[in-house]
N, C-alpha and C. Protein backbone atom coordinates (compact mmCIF):
# COMPACT_ATOMS: atom_id res chain seq x y z
N MET A 1 -4.87 32.37 87.03
CA MET A 1 -5.15 30.88 87.55
C MET A 1 -6.14 29.98 87.03
N LEU A 2 -6.00 29.08 86.35
CA LEU A 2 -7.19 28.07 85.81
C LEU A 2 -7.90 27.16 86.69
N THR A 3 -8.91 27.07 86.72
CA THR A 3 -9.71 26.35 87.61
C THR A 3 -9.37 24.93 87.12
N HIS A 4 -10.08 23.83 88.17
CA HIS A 4 -9.90 22.51 87.55
C HIS A 4 -10.75 22.03 86.20
N SER A 5 -11.88 22.86 86.04
CA SER A 5 -12.67 22.30 84.79
C SER A 5 -12.37 23.45 83.62
N ALA A 6 -11.51 24.45 83.64
CA ALA A 6 -11.20 25.27 82.59
C ALA A 6 -10.64 24.49 81.53
N PRO A 7 -9.67 23.64 81.62
CA PRO A 7 -9.03 22.78 80.60
C PRO A 7 -10.39 21.93 80.03
N CYS A 8 -11.15 21.66 80.54
CA CYS A 8 -12.07 20.60 80.01
C CYS A 8 -13.16 21.63 78.99
N ARG A 9 -13.49 22.64 79.57
CA ARG A 9 -14.25 23.48 79.04
C ARG A 9 -13.47 24.08 77.45
N VAL A 10 -12.40 24.00 77.49
CA VAL A 10 -11.43 24.61 76.31
C VAL A 10 -11.55 23.28 75.27
N PHE A 11 -11.37 21.95 75.84
CA PHE A 11 -11.43 20.83 75.16
C PHE A 11 -12.65 20.64 74.54
N ILE A 12 -13.78 20.90 75.07
CA ILE A 12 -14.89 20.68 74.93
C ILE A 12 -15.46 21.49 73.90
N PHE A 13 -14.92 22.83 74.10
CA PHE A 13 -14.99 23.88 72.80
C PHE A 13 -14.45 23.36 71.39
N ILE A 14 -13.07 23.24 71.44
CA ILE A 14 -12.62 22.42 70.64
C ILE A 14 -13.11 21.27 69.73
N LEU A 15 -13.59 20.32 70.70
CA LEU A 15 -14.38 19.24 70.26
C LEU A 15 -15.53 19.51 69.45
N VAL A 16 -16.72 20.53 70.07
CA VAL A 16 -17.90 21.04 69.12
C VAL A 16 -17.25 21.54 67.91
N THR A 17 -16.28 22.32 67.88
CA THR A 17 -15.93 22.72 66.46
C THR A 17 -15.45 21.73 65.49
N ILE A 18 -15.01 20.82 66.07
CA ILE A 18 -14.36 19.81 65.34
C ILE A 18 -15.33 19.05 64.57
N CYS A 19 -16.44 18.63 65.76
CA CYS A 19 -17.71 17.67 65.64
C CYS A 19 -18.62 18.19 64.24
N ARG A 20 -18.57 19.61 64.43
CA ARG A 20 -19.49 20.47 63.54
C ARG A 20 -18.83 20.02 62.15
N PHE A 21 -17.50 20.08 62.32
CA PHE A 21 -16.65 20.31 60.84
C PHE A 21 -17.04 18.71 60.26
N TYR A 22 -16.67 17.61 61.17
CA TYR A 22 -17.02 16.39 60.34
C TYR A 22 -18.39 15.94 59.85
N THR A 23 -19.10 16.58 60.99
CA THR A 23 -20.75 16.01 60.44
C THR A 23 -21.19 16.62 59.28
N ALA A 24 -20.53 17.99 58.81
CA ALA A 24 -20.71 18.44 57.30
C ALA A 24 -19.91 17.56 56.38
N SER A 25 -19.04 17.11 56.60
CA SER A 25 -18.12 16.34 55.69
C SER A 25 -17.84 15.01 55.50
N GLU A 26 -18.31 14.50 56.96
CA GLU A 26 -17.43 12.86 56.95
C GLU A 26 -18.75 11.89 57.53
N THR A 27 -18.48 10.79 57.56
CA THR A 27 -19.46 9.66 57.75
C THR A 27 -19.82 9.49 59.07
N TYR A 28 -20.72 8.92 59.55
CA TYR A 28 -21.43 8.62 60.76
C TYR A 28 -20.09 7.68 61.67
N ALA A 29 -19.46 7.09 61.01
CA ALA A 29 -18.49 6.49 61.81
C ALA A 29 -17.54 6.79 62.03
N ARG A 30 -17.02 8.16 61.43
CA ARG A 30 -15.83 8.81 61.55
C ARG A 30 -16.27 9.77 62.64
N ILE A 31 -17.31 9.95 62.88
CA ILE A 31 -17.99 11.17 63.73
C ILE A 31 -17.94 10.20 65.23
N LYS A 32 -18.16 8.96 65.11
CA LYS A 32 -18.62 8.23 66.08
C LYS A 32 -16.93 7.84 66.71
N ILE A 33 -15.99 7.70 65.85
CA ILE A 33 -14.31 7.42 66.53
C ILE A 33 -14.19 8.83 66.86
N VAL A 34 -14.51 10.15 66.54
CA VAL A 34 -13.85 11.43 67.24
C VAL A 34 -14.77 11.27 68.65
N LYS A 35 -15.75 11.16 68.84
CA LYS A 35 -16.81 10.76 70.04
C LYS A 35 -15.96 10.18 70.82
N THR A 36 -15.29 8.86 70.62
CA THR A 36 -15.07 7.95 71.41
C THR A 36 -14.04 8.58 71.90
N LEU A 37 -12.75 8.94 70.97
CA LEU A 37 -11.44 9.62 71.37
C LEU A 37 -11.41 10.47 72.49
N ALA A 38 -12.84 11.41 72.08
CA ALA A 38 -12.80 12.63 73.18
C ALA A 38 -13.26 11.85 74.32
N ILE A 39 -14.16 11.15 74.82
CA ILE A 39 -14.28 10.28 75.66
C ILE A 39 -13.14 9.78 76.53
N ASN A 40 -12.33 9.11 75.63
CA ASN A 40 -10.98 8.53 76.14
C ASN A 40 -10.28 9.78 77.10
N LEU A 41 -10.19 10.85 76.08
CA LEU A 41 -9.06 12.08 76.36
C LEU A 41 -9.65 12.49 77.76
N LEU A 42 -11.18 12.57 77.78
CA LEU A 42 -11.51 13.51 78.84
C LEU A 42 -11.53 12.52 80.12
N THR A 43 -11.70 11.25 80.17
CA THR A 43 -11.31 10.32 80.98
C THR A 43 -9.80 10.49 81.65
N SER A 44 -9.10 10.62 80.78
CA SER A 44 -7.63 10.77 81.33
C SER A 44 -7.48 11.86 81.84
N ILE A 45 -8.10 12.98 81.58
CA ILE A 45 -7.67 14.42 82.14
C ILE A 45 -7.94 14.58 83.53
N ASP A 46 -9.51 14.20 83.56
CA ASP A 46 -10.04 13.98 84.94
C ASP A 46 -10.01 12.76 85.56
N PRO A 47 -8.90 12.74 86.36
CA PRO A 47 -8.80 11.22 87.26
C PRO A 47 -10.06 10.65 88.11
N PHE A 48 -10.99 11.96 88.63
CA PHE A 48 -11.89 11.85 89.57
C PHE A 48 -12.94 10.99 89.17
């Protein structure tokens, strides 16, 4: 059984992996877009 925070932990792990890839190959603007999308996704996952 997954706890409430387990999906968020998995998402954050994936996000960190993606951010590491983008920081190596993309511009600051694209990194900022990824972070903004991540915040929006986390907000929609956790309604509290």
